[in-house]
Amino acid sequence: MPNKMRAAQISKPNGAFELVERDIPTPGPGEVRIKIAACGVCHSDMIVKGGQWPGLVLPRVPGHEVAGKIDMIGAGVTKWKVGDAVGVGWHGGYCGVCEQCRRGNFISCETNQVTGISFDGGYAEYMVAPGSAVAKMPDDLVPIEAAPLMCAGITTFNALRNSPAVPPDLVAVLGLGGLGHLAVQYSVKMGFNTVAIARGQDKAALVKQLGARIYIDSTSQDPAKELLKLGGAKVILSTVTAADAMEAAAGGLGANGTFMVIGATGPMKVDALNLLLGRRSVKGWASGTSIDTQDTLAFSALTGVKSMNEIYPFDQVNEAFERMESGKARFRVVLKM
């Protein structure tokens, strides 16, 4: 076996990706090494490229939508074995001893470990990850299809299944991009009465293809008013980052409805009286832990939910990142090793 691997690293804030040769890492106690087959290029990787994460140490290899196979295990690892098909997402494991972990709230572990930020991620041929960060991948999911499910998939799936909606409640998905096109599919497969909200009539056909019953074009319709005509949404799942789009839709919640935010954004104005009178709420939802990722992968394989991807060879990492950053990709960008 060779002792060197290719990796794409960021060495300075806002610098280009450098294709470098590194020693293949060896897993320590409690860790596994993964031979990577594919890695998604996520919007959140811009945090690494821009050097924006507090305490980020450069150079760093980004990537938290990792799909591959375990090829070495560290001391003390009993759950995993060499040859297991696995994935790793945003949540990079947990300490198990802080107060949040002791309460079972692993996503809020005080160590705040993030794949591709706290340790090197998936823009490489190999990576090492804590065993607690690893999710089993179904045999019938190929890595290129599975990779975006490690972040975009789990974020939308896990938010919906932890929402107050139960079938056949009205669920509205705000935005039809990398997160939204998956959210619509999950919502439909979970049995919700699914409405999609986006900009422009050109998306109407895609919405129907993904299974949503109703499409609201926010350029020609008032999203809140249209939702209220339908009785009000039990859940509005916001996948966008534009505060004005969120504010325009939030008024479409029905009584006891929840506006769930999964797209990072700045300040958002909320009508407090509207929340109070209808017992409505606004809630943020982080992605989830490795077992949530595992459930996402299993549900996707079972129901046929698929990410729509643009594939790039590993040596075109800079072009792949620019494509993601442009917002023009339909809908996820994936690096093939």
Protein backbone atom coordinates (compact mmCIF):
# COMPACT_ATOMS: atom_id res chain seq x y z
CA MET A 1 0.00 0.00 0.00
CA PRO A 2 1.32 3.51 -0.78
CA ASN A 3 2.15 5.77 2.14
CA LYS A 4 1.21 9.02 0.40
CA MET A 5 -2.15 10.49 -0.59
CA ARG A 6 -3.55 13.48 -2.45
CA ALA A 7 -5.34 16.17 -0.50
CA ALA A 8 -6.79 19.62 -1.20
CA GLN A 9 -5.98 22.09 1.56
CA ILE A 10 -6.57 25.74 2.39
CA SER A 11 -3.40 27.35 3.73
CA LYS A 12 -4.54 30.96 4.05
CA PRO A 13 -7.93 32.68 4.30
CA ASN A 14 -9.60 33.05 0.87
CA GLY A 15 -6.70 31.32 -0.84
CA ALA A 16 -7.12 28.76 -3.62
CA PHE A 17 -7.17 25.07 -2.85
CA GLU A 18 -3.70 23.58 -2.98
CA LEU A 19 -3.40 20.04 -4.30
CA VAL A 20 -0.71 18.53 -2.09
CA GLU A 21 0.80 15.16 -1.28
CA ARG A 22 0.56 14.12 2.36
CA ASP A 23 1.37 11.10 4.46
CA ILE A 24 -1.63 8.81 4.79
CA PRO A 25 -2.80 9.32 8.39
CA THR A 26 -2.92 6.56 10.99
CA PRO A 27 -5.98 6.35 13.27
CA GLY A 28 -5.44 6.83 16.99
CA PRO A 29 -7.42 5.23 19.82
CA GLY A 30 -11.17 5.38 19.14
CA GLU A 31 -10.63 6.46 15.53
CA VAL A 32 -11.07 4.88 12.10
CA ARG A 33 -9.42 5.60 8.79
CA ILE A 34 -11.63 5.93 5.73
CA LYS A 35 -10.59 5.46 2.11
CA ILE A 36 -12.73 8.14 0.51
CA ALA A 37 -14.70 7.47 -2.67
CA ALA A 38 -16.64 10.75 -2.86
CA CYS A 39 -17.07 13.99 -0.93
CA GLY A 40 -19.71 16.64 -1.33
CA VAL A 41 -18.78 20.31 -1.71
CA CYS A 42 -21.03 22.14 0.72
CA HIS A 43 -21.77 25.84 1.11
CA SER A 44 -20.56 25.54 4.72
CA ASP A 45 -17.06 24.73 3.44
CA MET A 46 -16.78 28.44 2.69
CA ILE A 47 -16.20 28.87 6.43
CA VAL A 48 -12.89 27.05 6.04
CA LYS A 49 -11.93 28.72 2.78
CA GLY A 50 -12.60 32.12 4.33
CA GLY A 51 -10.83 31.27 7.59
CA GLN A 52 -13.94 32.37 9.49
CA TRP A 53 -14.38 29.65 12.11
CA PRO A 54 -13.14 30.71 15.57
CA GLY A 55 -9.92 28.89 16.40
CA LEU A 56 -9.56 27.38 12.93
CA VAL A 57 -6.02 26.11 12.35
CA LEU A 58 -4.65 26.29 8.81
CA PRO A 59 -3.72 24.50 6.66
CA ARG A 60 -6.93 22.52 6.79
CA VAL A 61 -8.55 19.98 4.47
CA PRO A 62 -12.32 20.76 4.35
CA GLY A 63 -15.16 18.39 3.56
CA HIS A 64 -17.97 17.01 5.71
CA GLU A 65 -20.01 15.03 3.16
CA VAL A 66 -17.77 11.98 3.11
CA ALA A 67 -18.55 8.54 1.67
CA GLY A 68 -16.12 5.65 1.54
CA LYS A 69 -14.94 2.49 3.27
CA ILE A 70 -13.03 1.88 6.48
CA ASP A 71 -9.56 0.52 5.76
CA MET A 72 -8.00 0.72 9.25
CA ILE A 73 -9.29 0.92 12.82
CA GLY A 74 -7.61 2.34 15.89
CA ALA A 75 -7.26 0.81 19.33
CA GLY A 76 -10.48 0.37 21.26
CA VAL A 77 -12.80 0.52 18.24
CA THR A 78 -15.32 -2.32 18.46
CA LYS A 79 -18.31 -1.03 16.47
CA TRP A 80 -16.57 -0.87 13.09
CA LYS A 81 -14.46 -3.22 10.99
CA VAL A 82 -12.26 -2.94 7.90
CA GLY A 83 -14.37 -2.94 4.73
CA ASP A 84 -17.47 -1.28 6.23
CA ALA A 85 -19.12 1.21 3.88
CA VAL A 86 -19.55 4.40 5.91
CA GLY A 87 -20.13 8.11 5.81
CA VAL A 88 -19.14 11.10 7.94
CA GLY A 89 -21.09 14.35 8.17
CA TRP A 90 -20.84 17.77 9.80
CA HIS A 91 -21.02 16.45 13.36
CA GLY A 92 -17.50 15.28 14.10
CA GLY A 93 -18.17 13.18 17.19
CA TYR A 94 -18.58 14.03 20.85
CA CYS A 95 -16.63 13.78 24.09
CA GLY A 96 -19.20 11.83 26.09
CA VAL A 97 -18.31 13.51 29.38
CA CYS A 98 -19.50 17.15 29.21
CA GLU A 99 -22.87 18.07 30.68
CA GLN A 100 -24.66 18.13 27.32
CA CYS A 101 -23.30 14.68 26.40
CA ARG A 102 -24.27 13.31 29.80
CA ARG A 103 -27.81 14.49 29.07
CA GLY A 104 -27.76 12.74 25.70
CA ASN A 105 -27.62 16.00 23.74
CA PHE A 106 -24.60 14.98 21.69
CA ILE A 107 -25.14 17.54 18.93
CA SER A 108 -24.47 20.25 21.53
CA CYS A 109 -21.29 18.66 22.88
CA GLU A 110 -19.13 21.37 24.41
CA THR A 111 -16.12 20.30 22.30
CA ASN A 112 -18.08 21.36 19.18
CA GLN A 113 -16.18 18.98 16.91
CA VAL A 114 -16.87 19.59 13.22
CA THR A 115 -15.58 17.42 10.38
CA GLY A 116 -13.26 19.35 8.07
CA ILE A 117 -12.90 22.15 10.63
CA SER A 118 -11.80 20.59 13.93
CA PHE A 119 -9.85 17.95 12.00
CA ASP A 120 -9.08 17.29 8.33
CA GLY A 121 -12.07 16.28 6.25
CA GLY A 122 -12.97 14.64 2.98
CA TYR A 123 -11.20 16.65 0.27
CA ALA A 124 -8.58 13.90 0.26
CA GLU A 125 -8.08 10.25 -0.58
CA TYR A 126 -8.04 9.23 3.09
CA MET A 127 -9.19 10.74 6.37
CA VAL A 128 -9.26 9.80 10.04
CA ALA A 129 -12.45 10.32 12.06
CA PRO A 130 -13.65 9.53 15.59
CA GLY A 131 -15.67 6.33 15.67
CA SER A 132 -18.57 8.29 17.17
CA ALA A 133 -18.77 10.39 13.98
CA VAL A 134 -19.23 7.45 11.60
CA ALA A 135 -22.50 6.27 10.04
CA LYS A 136 -23.17 2.95 8.34
CA MET A 137 -23.98 3.31 4.64
CA PRO A 138 -26.51 0.93 3.01
CA ASP A 139 -25.02 -1.39 0.40
CA ASP A 140 -27.41 -0.13 -2.28
CA LEU A 141 -26.27 3.50 -1.99
CA VAL A 142 -23.31 4.37 -4.20
CA PRO A 143 -20.85 6.87 -2.68
CA ILE A 144 -21.46 9.64 -5.24
CA GLU A 145 -25.19 9.55 -4.49
CA ALA A 146 -24.72 9.16 -0.75
CA ALA A 147 -22.16 11.93 -0.11
CA PRO A 148 -24.55 14.96 -0.12
CA LEU A 149 -26.92 13.08 2.20
CA MET A 150 -24.28 13.40 4.94
CA CYS A 151 -25.10 17.10 5.30
CA ALA A 152 -27.89 18.37 3.05
CA GLY A 153 -29.74 15.10 3.52
CA ILE A 154 -29.52 14.72 7.28
CA THR A 155 -30.22 18.42 7.87
CA THR A 156 -33.55 18.31 6.04
CA PHE A 157 -34.61 14.78 6.99
CA ASN A 158 -33.78 15.15 10.67
CA ALA A 159 -35.48 18.55 10.94
CA LEU A 160 -38.69 17.21 9.43
CA ARG A 161 -38.83 14.09 11.56
CA ASN A 162 -38.24 16.16 14.69
CA SER A 163 -40.84 18.78 13.72
CA PRO A 164 -44.33 18.87 15.25
CA ALA A 165 -45.90 17.85 11.92
CA VAL A 166 -47.55 14.47 11.54
CA PRO A 167 -49.00 13.06 8.30
CA PRO A 168 -51.00 14.45 6.54
CA ASP A 169 -50.21 17.91 7.96
CA LEU A 170 -49.39 20.77 5.61
CA VAL A 171 -45.64 21.25 5.36
CA ALA A 172 -44.10 24.04 3.29
CA VAL A 173 -40.51 23.90 2.06
CA LEU A 174 -39.08 27.38 1.50
CA GLY A 175 -36.38 27.32 -1.17
CA LEU A 176 -35.60 24.80 -3.88
CA GLY A 177 -31.81 24.58 -3.91
CA GLY A 178 -29.33 22.09 -2.51
CA LEU A 179 -31.31 21.64 0.71
CA GLY A 180 -34.78 22.36 -0.62
CA HIS A 181 -34.87 19.78 -3.41
CA LEU A 182 -34.11 17.09 -0.82
CA ALA A 183 -36.49 18.54 1.76
CA VAL A 184 -39.40 18.34 -0.70
CA GLN A 185 -38.64 14.67 -1.39
CA TYR A 186 -38.37 13.78 2.30
CA SER A 187 -41.57 15.64 3.11
CA VAL A 188 -43.48 13.79 0.39
CA LYS A 189 -42.07 10.39 1.39
CA MET A 190 -42.99 11.04 5.04
CA GLY A 191 -46.60 11.52 4.01
CA PHE A 192 -46.93 15.27 4.51
CA ASN A 193 -49.14 17.47 2.35
CA THR A 194 -46.15 19.18 0.75
CA VAL A 195 -45.99 22.71 -0.63
CA ALA A 196 -42.83 24.15 -2.20
CA ILE A 197 -42.06 27.89 -2.23
CA ALA A 198 -39.43 29.32 -4.58
CA ARG A 199 -38.82 32.08 -7.10
CA GLY A 200 -40.00 31.81 -10.71
CA GLN A 201 -42.38 29.64 -12.71
CA ASP A 202 -39.45 27.75 -14.22
CA LYS A 203 -39.31 25.65 -11.02
CA ALA A 204 -42.94 24.52 -11.18
CA ALA A 205 -42.22 21.42 -13.27
CA LEU A 206 -39.38 20.32 -10.98
CA VAL A 207 -41.60 20.72 -7.92
CA LYS A 208 -44.16 18.37 -9.45
CA GLN A 209 -41.39 15.94 -10.41
CA LEU A 210 -40.19 15.89 -6.80
CA GLY A 211 -43.72 15.08 -5.65
CA ALA A 212 -45.02 18.29 -4.06
CA ARG A 213 -48.74 18.91 -4.50
CA ILE A 214 -48.59 22.70 -4.74
CA TYR A 215 -46.03 25.25 -5.91
CA ILE A 216 -46.03 28.88 -4.76
CA ASP A 217 -44.03 31.30 -6.91
CA SER A 218 -42.93 34.03 -4.51
CA THR A 219 -42.25 36.43 -7.39
CA SER A 220 -45.94 36.58 -8.31
CA GLN A 221 -47.73 35.31 -5.18
CA ASP A 222 -47.69 36.20 -1.49
CA PRO A 223 -46.41 33.01 0.19
CA ALA A 224 -48.02 33.73 3.55
CA LYS A 225 -51.44 34.47 2.05
CA GLU A 226 -51.32 31.38 -0.17
CA LEU A 227 -50.45 29.14 2.79
CA LEU A 228 -53.26 30.62 4.86
CA LYS A 229 -55.71 29.88 2.03
CA LEU A 230 -54.70 26.24 2.48
CA GLY A 231 -55.39 26.43 6.21
CA GLY A 232 -51.91 27.47 7.33
CA ALA A 233 -48.77 25.37 7.51
CA LYS A 234 -48.03 23.16 10.47
CA VAL A 235 -44.34 23.53 9.58
CA ILE A 236 -42.45 25.84 7.28
CA LEU A 237 -38.99 24.42 6.70
CA SER A 238 -36.75 27.31 5.67
CA THR A 239 -33.77 26.20 3.57
CA VAL A 240 -32.91 29.70 2.30
CA THR A 241 -30.43 32.27 3.63
CA ALA A 242 -32.34 35.41 2.64
CA ALA A 243 -34.07 37.06 5.60
CA ASP A 244 -36.63 38.84 3.37
CA ALA A 245 -37.79 35.53 1.88
CA MET A 246 -38.12 34.04 5.35
CA GLU A 247 -40.08 37.02 6.64
CA ALA A 248 -42.43 36.88 3.66
CA ALA A 249 -43.35 33.26 4.34
CA ALA A 250 -43.43 33.18 8.15
CA GLY A 251 -46.94 34.63 8.32
CA GLY A 252 -48.26 31.50 6.59
CA LEU A 253 -48.05 29.38 9.74
CA GLY A 254 -51.27 27.95 11.05
CA ALA A 255 -52.14 27.78 14.76
CA ASN A 256 -49.44 25.96 16.74
CA GLY A 257 -47.26 26.06 13.63
CA THR A 258 -43.47 26.08 13.67
CA PHE A 259 -41.08 27.96 11.40
CA MET A 260 -37.94 25.78 11.32
CA VAL A 261 -34.69 27.46 10.26
CA ILE A 262 -31.97 25.23 8.80
CA GLY A 263 -30.34 27.73 6.42
CA ALA A 264 -27.79 30.01 8.10
CA THR A 265 -28.81 33.65 7.87
CA GLY A 266 -28.54 36.97 9.64
CA PRO A 267 -31.23 38.76 11.68
CA MET A 268 -34.82 37.94 10.84
CA LYS A 269 -37.85 40.06 11.80
CA VAL A 270 -40.74 38.19 13.39
CA ASP A 271 -44.22 39.47 14.28
CA ALA A 272 -44.30 38.72 18.01
CA LEU A 273 -48.07 39.28 18.26
CA ASN A 274 -48.68 36.76 15.49
CA LEU A 275 -46.56 34.22 17.36
CA LEU A 276 -48.39 34.86 20.62
CA LEU A 277 -51.96 34.77 19.30
CA GLY A 278 -51.52 31.53 17.39
CA ARG A 279 -49.04 29.83 19.72
CA ARG A 280 -46.65 29.84 16.79
CA SER A 281 -42.90 29.42 17.16
CA VAL A 282 -39.59 29.89 15.38
CA LYS A 283 -36.99 27.20 15.88
CA GLY A 284 -33.47 26.53 14.66
CA TRP A 285 -32.37 22.99 13.92
CA ALA A 286 -28.79 21.75 13.61
CA SER A 287 -28.12 18.70 11.47
CA GLY A 288 -27.73 15.74 13.83
CA THR A 289 -25.34 13.06 15.04
CA SER A 290 -23.96 10.04 13.23
CA ILE A 291 -26.94 7.86 14.10
CA ASP A 292 -29.21 10.51 12.57
CA THR A 293 -27.05 10.37 9.44
CA GLN A 294 -27.39 6.59 9.45
CA ASP A 295 -31.18 6.89 9.64
CA THR A 296 -31.12 9.44 6.80
CA LEU A 297 -29.16 7.08 4.58
CA ALA A 298 -31.42 4.14 5.40
CA PHE A 299 -34.61 6.15 4.76
CA SER A 300 -33.22 7.50 1.48
CA ALA A 301 -32.34 4.01 0.24
CA LEU A 302 -35.73 2.66 1.35
CA THR A 303 -37.86 5.37 -0.27
CA GLY A 304 -35.73 6.37 -3.27
CA VAL A 305 -34.87 9.92 -2.19
CA LYS A 306 -31.96 11.07 -4.35
CA SER A 307 -29.78 14.14 -4.46
CA MET A 308 -29.37 15.81 -7.85
CA ASN A 309 -25.61 16.17 -8.27
CA GLU A 310 -22.93 17.62 -10.51
CA ILE A 311 -19.80 15.46 -10.40
CA TYR A 312 -16.22 16.74 -10.63
CA PRO A 313 -12.93 14.79 -10.60
CA PHE A 314 -10.80 15.46 -7.53
CA ASP A 315 -8.14 17.41 -9.40
CA GLN A 316 -10.81 19.97 -10.40
CA VAL A 317 -11.54 20.90 -6.79
CA ASN A 318 -11.17 24.64 -7.42
CA GLU A 319 -13.61 24.52 -10.33
CA ALA A 320 -16.01 22.42 -8.26
CA PHE A 321 -15.89 24.89 -5.40
CA GLU A 322 -16.46 27.85 -7.72
CA ARG A 323 -19.47 26.07 -9.21
CA MET A 324 -20.95 25.52 -5.75
CA GLU A 325 -20.19 29.09 -4.73
CA SER A 326 -21.89 30.47 -7.85
CA GLY A 327 -25.24 29.10 -6.75
CA LYS A 328 -25.85 27.74 -10.26
CA ALA A 329 -25.28 24.05 -9.53
CA ARG A 330 -28.32 21.75 -9.78
CA PHE A 331 -28.16 21.05 -6.97
CA ARG A 332 -25.17 19.59 -5.12
CA VAL A 333 -21.53 19.40 -6.21
CA VAL A 334 -19.59 16.21 -5.51
CA LEU A 335 -15.90 15.38 -5.82
CA LYS A 336 -15.10 11.89 -7.10
CA MET A 337 -11.79 10.51 -5.85
